[in-house]
Protein backbone atom coordinates (compact mmCIF):
# COMPACT_ATOMS: atom_id res chain seq x y z
CA MET A 1 174.91 67.02 80.97
CA SER A 2 174.50 64.99 77.77
CA ALA A 3 173.83 66.60 74.38
CA PRO A 4 170.25 65.20 74.08
CA THR A 5 169.39 66.55 77.54
CA THR A 6 170.96 69.91 76.71
CA ARG A 7 168.82 70.06 73.58
CA PHE A 8 165.63 68.82 75.28
CA LEU A 9 165.50 71.40 78.06
CA PRO A 10 165.38 74.50 75.80
CA LEU A 11 162.77 72.81 73.58
CA ALA A 12 160.65 71.92 76.61
CA ALA A 13 160.91 75.48 77.90
CA GLU A 14 159.85 76.94 74.55
CA ILE A 15 156.98 74.48 74.23
CA LEU A 16 155.68 75.59 77.65
CA LEU A 17 156.07 79.26 76.71
CA ALA A 18 154.25 78.73 73.40
CA LEU A 19 151.46 76.84 75.19
CA GLY A 20 151.20 79.82 77.52
CA VAL A 21 150.62 82.07 74.51
CA VAL A 22 147.94 79.70 73.17
CA ALA A 23 146.25 79.53 76.59
CA SER A 24 146.22 83.33 76.87
CA VAL A 25 144.52 83.56 73.46
CA GLY A 26 141.93 81.02 74.60
CA TRP A 27 141.23 83.00 77.76
CA THR A 28 140.87 86.24 75.79
CA LEU A 29 138.43 84.57 73.38
CA HIS A 30 136.44 83.33 76.37
CA LEU A 31 136.22 86.89 77.72
CA PHE A 32 135.28 88.19 74.27
CA PHE A 33 132.34 85.82 73.91
CA GLN A 34 131.28 86.59 77.45
CA LEU A 35 131.66 90.39 77.34
CA GLY A 36 131.19 91.12 73.65
CA TYR A 37 134.45 93.07 73.28
CA LEU A 38 138.19 92.47 73.45
CA PRO A 39 139.50 93.35 76.93
CA GLN A 40 142.69 95.23 77.70
CA PRO A 41 145.19 95.90 76.40
CA PHE A 42 143.07 96.13 73.24
CA VAL A 43 141.82 99.66 72.54
CA PHE A 44 138.88 100.74 74.69
CA ASP A 45 136.99 102.17 71.71
CA THR A 46 135.14 98.95 70.94
CA ASN A 47 133.74 100.35 67.68
CA ASP A 48 137.17 101.19 66.27
CA THR A 49 138.27 97.76 65.02
CA TYR A 50 140.29 97.93 61.74
CA MET A 51 140.02 101.72 61.70
CA ASP A 52 143.77 102.36 61.44
CA TRP A 53 143.37 100.81 58.00
CA PHE A 54 140.05 102.33 56.92
CA ASN A 55 140.72 105.85 58.23
CA THR A 56 143.90 105.88 56.17
CA ALA A 57 142.23 104.25 53.16
CA TYR A 58 139.51 106.92 53.25
CA TRP A 59 142.12 109.60 52.60
CA ALA A 60 143.85 107.43 50.01
CA ASN A 61 140.59 107.72 48.07
CA ASN A 62 139.95 111.42 48.83
CA ARG A 63 141.88 114.69 48.72
CA GLY A 64 143.55 116.34 51.70
CA ILE A 65 145.96 113.65 52.91
CA TYR A 66 148.66 116.01 54.15
CA ASP A 67 146.95 119.42 54.36
CA VAL A 68 143.58 118.41 55.87
CA TRP A 69 144.14 115.10 57.67
CA ARG A 70 147.78 116.02 58.29
CA SER A 71 149.05 112.48 57.89
CA ILE A 72 152.54 111.49 59.02
CA TYR A 73 152.62 108.41 56.75
CA PRO A 74 154.91 108.57 53.69
CA PRO A 75 153.12 108.38 50.31
CA LEU A 76 153.66 104.62 49.87
CA SER A 77 150.89 103.90 52.40
CA PHE A 78 148.36 105.75 50.29
CA VAL A 79 149.53 104.25 47.01
CA PHE A 80 149.15 100.78 48.52
CA LEU A 81 145.74 101.46 50.08
CA ASP A 82 144.44 103.08 46.92
CA ALA A 83 145.40 99.94 44.99
CA THR A 84 143.76 97.58 47.51
CA SER A 85 140.45 99.34 48.13
CA LEU A 86 137.13 99.84 46.32
CA PRO A 87 136.77 103.58 45.56
CA GLY A 88 132.97 103.49 45.61
CA CYS A 89 133.01 102.58 49.32
CA TYR A 90 134.72 105.82 50.34
CA LEU A 91 132.10 108.35 49.22
CA GLN A 92 130.75 108.47 52.79
CA SER A 93 132.57 107.84 56.08
CA SER A 94 135.47 105.50 56.80
CA PHE A 95 133.12 103.51 59.09
CA TYR A 96 130.80 102.92 56.16
CA ALA A 97 133.83 101.85 54.10
CA ARG A 98 134.74 99.22 56.71
CA ASP A 99 131.46 97.39 56.08
CA CYS A 100 131.46 98.03 52.34
CA ASP A 101 135.05 97.36 51.23
CA TRP A 102 135.45 93.57 51.12
CA LEU A 103 138.71 93.93 49.17
CA ALA A 104 140.35 95.90 51.98
CA ARG A 105 139.17 93.44 54.64
CA SER A 106 140.45 90.55 52.50
CA THR A 107 143.82 92.31 52.19
CA ILE A 108 144.09 92.54 55.98
CA TYR A 109 143.42 88.80 56.35
CA ALA A 110 145.73 87.92 53.46
CA PHE A 111 148.67 89.83 54.89
CA TYR A 112 148.15 88.22 58.28
CA LEU A 113 148.53 84.82 56.62
CA ILE A 114 151.51 86.02 54.56
CA ASP A 115 153.21 87.29 57.74
CA VAL A 116 152.73 83.96 59.49
CA VAL A 117 154.00 81.93 56.52
CA LEU A 118 157.08 84.11 56.11
CA ALA A 119 157.83 83.89 59.83
CA TRP A 120 157.52 80.10 59.62
CA VAL A 121 159.89 79.93 56.65
CA CYS A 122 162.43 82.09 58.45
CA PHE A 123 162.33 80.24 61.77
CA ARG A 124 162.37 76.83 60.07
CA ARG A 125 165.53 77.73 58.18
CA LEU A 126 167.18 78.89 61.38
CA ASP A 127 166.15 75.99 63.63
CA ARG A 128 163.52 73.36 62.79
CA GLY A 129 163.12 72.34 66.42
CA THR A 130 162.01 75.74 67.73
CA ALA A 131 160.28 76.93 64.53
CA PRO A 132 156.73 75.78 65.51
CA MET A 133 156.83 77.47 68.92
CA ARG A 134 158.30 80.71 67.63
CA THR A 135 155.83 80.86 64.76
CA ILE A 136 152.99 80.40 67.24
CA ALA A 137 154.39 83.26 69.34
CA ILE A 138 154.44 85.57 66.31
CA ALA A 139 151.10 84.42 64.86
CA LEU A 140 149.04 84.38 68.07
CA GLY A 141 151.04 86.80 70.19
CA LEU A 142 149.59 90.08 71.44
CA PRO A 143 151.62 92.37 69.12
CA MET A 144 150.34 90.58 66.00
CA LEU A 145 146.73 90.26 67.19
CA PHE A 146 146.72 93.89 68.30
CA THR A 147 148.02 94.88 64.86
CA VAL A 148 145.30 92.86 63.14
CA GLU A 149 142.57 94.30 65.38
CA ARG A 150 143.74 97.83 64.62
CA GLY A 151 144.20 97.01 60.92
CA ASN A 152 147.54 98.79 61.09
CA LEU A 153 149.85 98.90 58.07
CA ILE A 154 152.47 97.19 60.21
CA LEU A 155 150.76 94.05 58.85
CA VAL A 156 152.10 94.90 55.40
CA ALA A 157 155.42 96.30 56.56
CA PHE A 158 156.15 93.18 58.64
CA ALA A 159 156.07 90.90 55.58
CA PHE A 160 158.79 92.98 53.93
CA PHE A 161 160.65 93.27 57.25
CA VAL A 162 160.96 89.47 57.46
CA ILE A 163 162.29 89.38 53.89
CA ALA A 164 164.77 92.19 54.59
CA HIS A 165 166.12 90.85 57.89
CA GLY A 166 165.43 87.11 57.88
CA PRO A 167 166.81 84.18 55.86
CA VAL A 168 163.85 84.11 53.47
CA THR A 169 165.75 84.86 50.25
CA ALA A 170 169.38 84.84 49.18
CA SER A 171 168.75 87.66 46.72
CA LYS A 172 170.45 90.82 47.93
CA THR A 173 168.35 92.91 45.54
CA TRP A 174 165.11 91.64 47.07
CA ARG A 175 166.44 92.27 50.57
CA TRP A 176 167.42 95.83 49.67
CA PHE A 177 164.04 96.48 48.07
CA ALA A 178 162.21 94.96 51.05
CA GLY A 179 164.20 97.19 53.40
CA ALA A 180 163.20 100.22 51.33
CA VAL A 181 159.54 99.23 51.53
CA THR A 182 159.67 98.90 55.32
CA ILE A 183 161.15 102.38 55.71
CA ASN A 184 158.59 103.90 53.35
CA PHE A 185 155.81 102.34 55.40
CA LYS A 186 157.32 103.02 58.83
CA PRO A 187 160.33 105.42 58.81
CA TYR A 188 161.58 104.26 62.21
CA LEU A 189 162.44 100.92 60.57
CA VAL A 190 165.59 102.60 59.28
CA LEU A 191 167.03 101.70 62.70
CA PRO A 192 167.38 97.93 62.14
CA LEU A 193 169.05 98.62 58.78
CA LEU A 194 171.64 100.75 60.56
CA ALA A 195 173.00 97.50 61.96
CA HIS A 196 174.96 97.29 58.70
CA ALA A 197 176.64 100.60 59.56
CA VAL A 198 177.62 99.27 63.00
CA LYS A 199 179.16 96.24 61.29
CA ARG A 200 180.86 98.56 58.74
CA ASP A 201 179.10 96.64 55.98
CA TRP A 202 178.37 99.63 53.79
CA ARG A 203 177.12 98.14 50.55
CA PRO A 204 173.73 96.85 51.82
CA LEU A 205 173.17 100.15 53.62
CA GLU A 206 173.97 102.20 50.54
CA ALA A 207 171.81 100.01 48.29
CA ALA A 208 168.87 100.14 50.70
CA ALA A 209 169.23 103.93 50.99
CA ILE A 210 169.14 104.35 47.21
CA ALA A 211 166.12 102.04 46.94
CA THR A 212 164.37 103.90 49.78
CA ILE A 213 164.83 107.29 48.14
CA ALA A 214 163.83 105.97 44.71
CA LEU A 215 160.66 104.35 46.06
CA TYR A 216 159.79 107.50 47.99
CA LEU A 217 160.19 109.70 44.88
CA VAL A 218 158.03 107.38 42.77
CA THR A 219 155.22 107.27 45.35
CA LEU A 220 155.54 111.02 45.95
CA ALA A 221 154.93 111.58 42.24
CA LEU A 222 151.96 109.20 42.25
CA VAL A 223 150.27 110.82 45.26
CA GLY A 224 151.28 114.38 44.40
CA SER A 225 151.96 115.32 48.01
CA GLY A 226 153.89 114.11 51.04
CA THR A 227 157.05 116.18 50.67
CA PRO A 228 159.70 116.05 53.41
CA MET A 229 158.56 119.47 54.67
CA GLU A 230 154.94 118.31 54.89
CA LEU A 231 155.93 115.14 56.73
CA ALA A 232 158.14 117.09 59.16
CA SER A 233 155.42 119.66 59.89
CA ASN A 234 152.74 117.01 60.38
CA THR A 235 155.02 114.93 62.60
CA ALA A 236 155.63 117.93 64.86
CA ASN A 237 151.86 118.46 65.05
CA TRP A 238 151.34 114.76 65.83
CA VAL A 239 153.90 114.80 68.65
CA GLN A 240 152.13 117.76 70.22
CA PHE A 241 148.78 116.01 69.89
CA GLN A 242 150.09 112.77 71.41
CA SER A 243 151.50 114.63 74.42
CA GLY A 244 147.89 115.21 75.47
CA GLN A 245 146.93 111.54 75.01
CA VAL A 246 148.89 110.09 77.91
CA TRP A 247 146.35 107.41 78.82
CA ASN A 248 146.34 106.06 75.26
CA GLU A 249 150.13 105.93 75.37
CA VAL A 250 150.25 104.15 78.73
CA ASN A 251 147.63 101.55 77.77
CA TYR A 252 149.93 99.50 75.52
CA SER A 253 153.37 101.02 75.67
CA THR A 254 156.85 99.77 74.90
CA SER A 255 158.42 102.45 77.07
CA TYR A 256 158.12 103.84 80.58
CA ALA A 257 158.38 107.36 79.10
CA PRO A 258 154.60 108.02 79.19
CA PHE A 259 154.60 107.19 82.90
CA ALA A 260 156.62 110.33 83.57
CA LEU A 261 153.48 112.25 82.51
CA PHE A 262 151.16 110.54 85.00
CA SER A 263 150.48 113.82 86.77
CA THR A 264 149.05 115.29 83.55
CA LEU A 265 146.54 112.48 82.93
CA GLU A 266 143.03 113.61 82.10
CA VAL A 267 141.66 110.97 84.49
CA PRO A 268 141.98 111.33 88.30
CA LEU A 269 144.64 108.63 88.64
CA LEU A 270 145.46 109.49 92.23
CA GLN A 271 142.07 108.08 93.21
CA PHE A 272 143.36 104.66 92.21
CA VAL A 273 147.13 104.86 92.81
CA PRO A 274 148.91 106.22 95.91
CA SER A 275 150.67 109.51 95.26
CA ARG A 276 153.93 108.10 96.66
CA LEU A 277 153.87 105.36 94.01
CA VAL A 278 153.35 107.95 91.26
CA GLU A 279 156.28 110.00 92.61
CA THR A 280 158.48 106.87 92.73
CA ILE A 281 157.58 105.98 89.15
CA GLN A 282 158.37 109.49 87.95
CA MET A 283 161.75 109.32 89.71
CA LEU A 284 162.70 105.88 88.37
CA VAL A 285 161.57 106.30 84.75
CA PRO A 286 164.50 108.52 83.64
CA ILE A 287 166.98 106.25 85.42
CA VAL A 288 165.69 103.10 83.72
CA ILE A 289 165.58 104.71 80.28
CA ARG A 290 169.02 106.35 80.47
CA SER A 291 170.76 103.29 81.90
CA THR A 292 169.24 101.10 79.17
CA GLN A 293 170.33 103.57 76.50
CA LEU A 294 173.86 103.50 77.91
CA VAL A 295 174.17 99.72 77.97
CA ALA A 296 172.80 99.56 74.41
CA LEU A 297 175.32 102.20 73.31
CA ALA A 298 178.12 100.23 74.95
CA ALA A 299 177.04 97.08 73.07
CA LEU A 300 176.91 98.96 69.76
CA ALA A 301 180.36 100.43 70.38
CA ALA A 302 181.64 96.93 71.09
CA ALA A 303 180.03 95.67 67.88
CA TRP A 304 181.76 98.44 65.93
CA LEU A 305 185.06 97.34 67.42
CA GLN A 306 184.49 93.70 66.46
CA PRO A 307 182.12 93.77 63.47
CA ARG A 308 182.37 90.02 62.86
CA ALA A 309 181.65 89.01 66.45
CA LEU A 310 177.90 89.58 66.38
CA PRO A 311 175.17 88.62 63.89
CA THR A 312 173.40 91.47 62.12
CA HIS A 313 170.01 90.58 63.59
CA ARG A 314 171.42 90.93 67.14
CA ILE A 315 172.65 94.47 66.46
CA ALA A 316 169.35 95.31 64.75
CA ALA A 317 167.45 94.07 67.82
CA ILE A 318 169.53 96.25 70.16
CA LEU A 319 168.96 99.30 67.96
CA MET A 320 165.22 98.64 67.75
CA GLY A 321 164.94 97.84 71.44
CA ALA A 322 166.77 101.01 72.51
CA TYR A 323 164.35 103.05 70.40
CA LEU A 324 161.29 101.35 71.90
CA VAL A 325 162.63 101.89 75.42
CA THR A 326 163.13 105.59 74.71
CA GLN A 327 159.65 106.22 73.32
CA SER A 328 156.58 104.22 72.38
CA PRO A 329 155.26 104.40 68.80
CA GLY A 330 152.62 101.85 69.86
CA GLY A 331 152.67 98.39 71.40
CA TYR A 332 152.30 96.67 68.04
CA THR A 333 155.78 97.89 67.03
CA GLN A 334 157.13 95.19 69.37
CA LEU A 335 156.38 92.80 66.51
CA PHE A 336 159.58 93.83 64.72
CA LEU A 337 161.69 93.55 67.87
CA LEU A 338 160.26 90.17 68.85
CA PHE A 339 160.93 88.74 65.39
CA LEU A 340 164.60 89.77 65.65
CA VAL A 341 164.87 88.34 69.18
CA LEU A 342 163.30 85.04 68.16
CA MET A 343 166.06 84.62 65.56
CA GLU A 344 168.43 84.12 68.51
CA ARG A 345 169.62 80.70 69.62
CA TRP A 346 168.84 79.46 73.13
CA ARG A 347 172.45 79.87 74.19
CA GLY A 348 173.88 82.03 76.96
CA ALA A 349 172.06 83.79 79.81
CA GLY A 350 171.54 87.08 77.95
CA ALA A 351 169.95 85.51 74.87
CA ILE A 352 167.77 83.22 77.02
CA VAL A 353 166.49 86.19 79.05
CA ALA A 354 165.64 88.02 75.81
CA ILE A 355 163.84 85.00 74.31
CA VAL A 356 161.79 84.36 77.46
CA ALA A 357 160.90 88.07 77.64
CA ALA A 358 159.81 87.92 73.99
CA TYR A 359 157.44 85.03 74.70
CA LEU A 360 156.05 86.84 77.75
CA LEU A 361 155.38 89.93 75.63
CA CYS A 362 153.32 87.68 73.34
CA LEU A 363 150.90 86.71 76.13
CA VAL A 364 147.43 88.06 75.33
CA GLY A 365 145.40 89.68 78.07
CA ASP A 366 146.04 91.63 81.25
CA TRP A 367 145.54 91.68 85.02
CA PRO A 368 143.27 94.59 86.09
CA LEU A 369 144.37 96.58 89.14
CA ALA A 370 141.80 99.40 89.18
CA THR A 371 138.92 100.50 86.96
CA VAL A 372 139.39 103.96 85.47
CA LEU A 373 136.98 104.05 82.51
CA ASP A 374 133.54 102.53 82.05
CA VAL A 375 132.33 103.21 78.51
CA THR A 376 129.02 102.12 76.98
CA SER A 377 129.34 101.85 73.21
CA ASN A 378 128.80 99.61 70.22
CA SER A 379 131.18 96.70 69.73
CA TRP A 380 131.83 96.14 66.03
CA LEU A 381 133.33 92.70 66.60
CA GLY A 382 130.64 91.68 69.07
CA ASP A 383 127.89 93.31 66.98
CA ARG A 384 126.08 94.63 70.06
CA THR A 385 126.11 97.38 72.64
CA VAL A 386 128.53 96.70 75.49
CA SER A 387 129.65 98.31 78.71
CA ALA A 388 133.43 98.19 78.40
CA VAL A 389 135.55 98.46 81.52
CA PHE A 390 139.18 99.59 81.29
CA GLY A 391 141.69 100.72 83.86
CA LEU A 392 145.13 100.40 85.34
CA THR A 393 146.64 96.93 84.82
CA ALA A 394 149.74 94.98 85.72
CA GLY A 395 150.70 94.90 82.05
CA HIS A 396 151.13 98.67 82.01
CA PHE A 397 154.12 98.21 84.31
CA ILE A 398 155.40 94.80 83.21
CA ARG A 399 155.53 95.08 79.41
CA PRO A 400 157.92 98.07 79.19
CA GLY A 401 160.09 96.28 81.75
CA LEU A 402 160.27 93.21 79.51
CA VAL A 403 161.46 95.38 76.61
CA VAL A 404 164.12 96.77 78.95
CA ALA A 405 165.09 93.19 79.88
CA ILE A 406 165.51 92.31 76.18
CA VAL A 407 167.87 95.23 75.60
CA TRP A 408 169.90 94.50 78.72
CA GLY A 409 170.08 90.76 78.01
CA LEU A 410 171.22 91.15 74.40
CA SER A 411 173.54 94.07 75.18
CA LEU A 412 175.39 92.37 78.03
CA ALA A 413 175.64 89.14 76.04
CA SER A 414 177.03 91.10 73.09
CA ILE A 415 179.63 92.91 75.19
CA ALA A 416 180.81 89.61 76.67
CA GLN A 417 180.95 88.03 73.21
CA VAL A 418 183.00 90.92 71.83
CA VAL A 419 185.41 90.76 74.77
CA ARG A 420 186.04 87.07 74.06
CA ALA A 421 186.50 87.76 70.36
CA HIS A 422 188.85 90.68 71.05
CA ARG A 423 191.20 88.44 73.00
CA ASP A 424 191.83 86.38 69.89
CA TYR A 425 191.73 89.01 67.16
CA ARG A 426 191.94 92.80 67.06
CA PRO A 427 190.72 94.09 63.68
CA SER A 428 191.77 97.30 62.01
CA LEU A 429 189.26 100.13 62.44
CA GLY A 430 189.04 100.36 58.69
CA LEU A 431 187.92 96.75 58.29
CA VAL A 432 184.72 96.15 56.34
CA ALA A 433 182.70 93.24 57.67
CA ALA A 434 182.29 90.29 55.38
């Protein structure tokens, strides 16, 4: 096969996948204008648009962040929201603030644009040919649109994540600072930074750790609360609360873990799903999760053995993917994983599987299987009362499987790559990666 043909086929495939994302957005918009609300997997509370942002901003402008509201967010979130909100809008409820605070709404839109521009810069520097399609996948994909609809602070964290992990700047200081910001917004984002530890590249890890602690101490002093003990206590309380919210977890999950709790659902699921299927799911879930954890661990061990064999973003993707397979901090967290995956080249079966799975995870919309909830409420986006129908969908089963496919594809490709590298060169265990 000639070089032009070899180059054309991947481009054609990515163009088709990107067009699929665009078409899915178009179909979802059609349903929105027809129904007056965003269908699944968007949240079934049709009046809750942007409220991740405004509920948090309300407490940034009032007392009781950690002792009354029992937030699990580090103090940086509240420092940022306090600086980007109009205090006079938060004297009443957070719902009132949503309509009143034009500065906060403008900040949401601004960071969406910043995220898209930064993703474009990164992908263009990696590969100009695939940059348009991959930027479309990030900009119009379900994880990003879900994040915007929720108004989640992932919008802000993602901008710094791209700077920390993508080829946006050559400044190590800026990359270290950006990494610190991501962790102070979303603590689980320490995982991608641990890729430096796997590669035995200690300096970036140490610098990012120092910056993370320094930023945390500064914001802790500014807020006056949010100590490690408060965060730990509130996180334990949050985990207990979430254990009773199985349906919310299943609706847009990165993991099959919530499916193991099907029997505890507050809705009579067995009216819609055969009991044998539920029993099969509960049997297979631990097997899928444990096997994926093992293959990811094997890939990380291989990367430790040959620290120069794999790029840092590949190791970061495996670490992030293994975490998302184990538990689901929300479907929008896929945004970080998908960005790392889309930094891969269309080369080798494992990487291709991961890239295709990433595009499929960006498809907006779902395929209903059975109606479980029928809720009449106000739609803030539609500005009218709607009767919203939500239920069991194909996406509930497919999306966690695609995350599993990403981890398996990248892990097996990494193991094979390390084996080839190890035939030619066997480094000392004390080697520090360049």
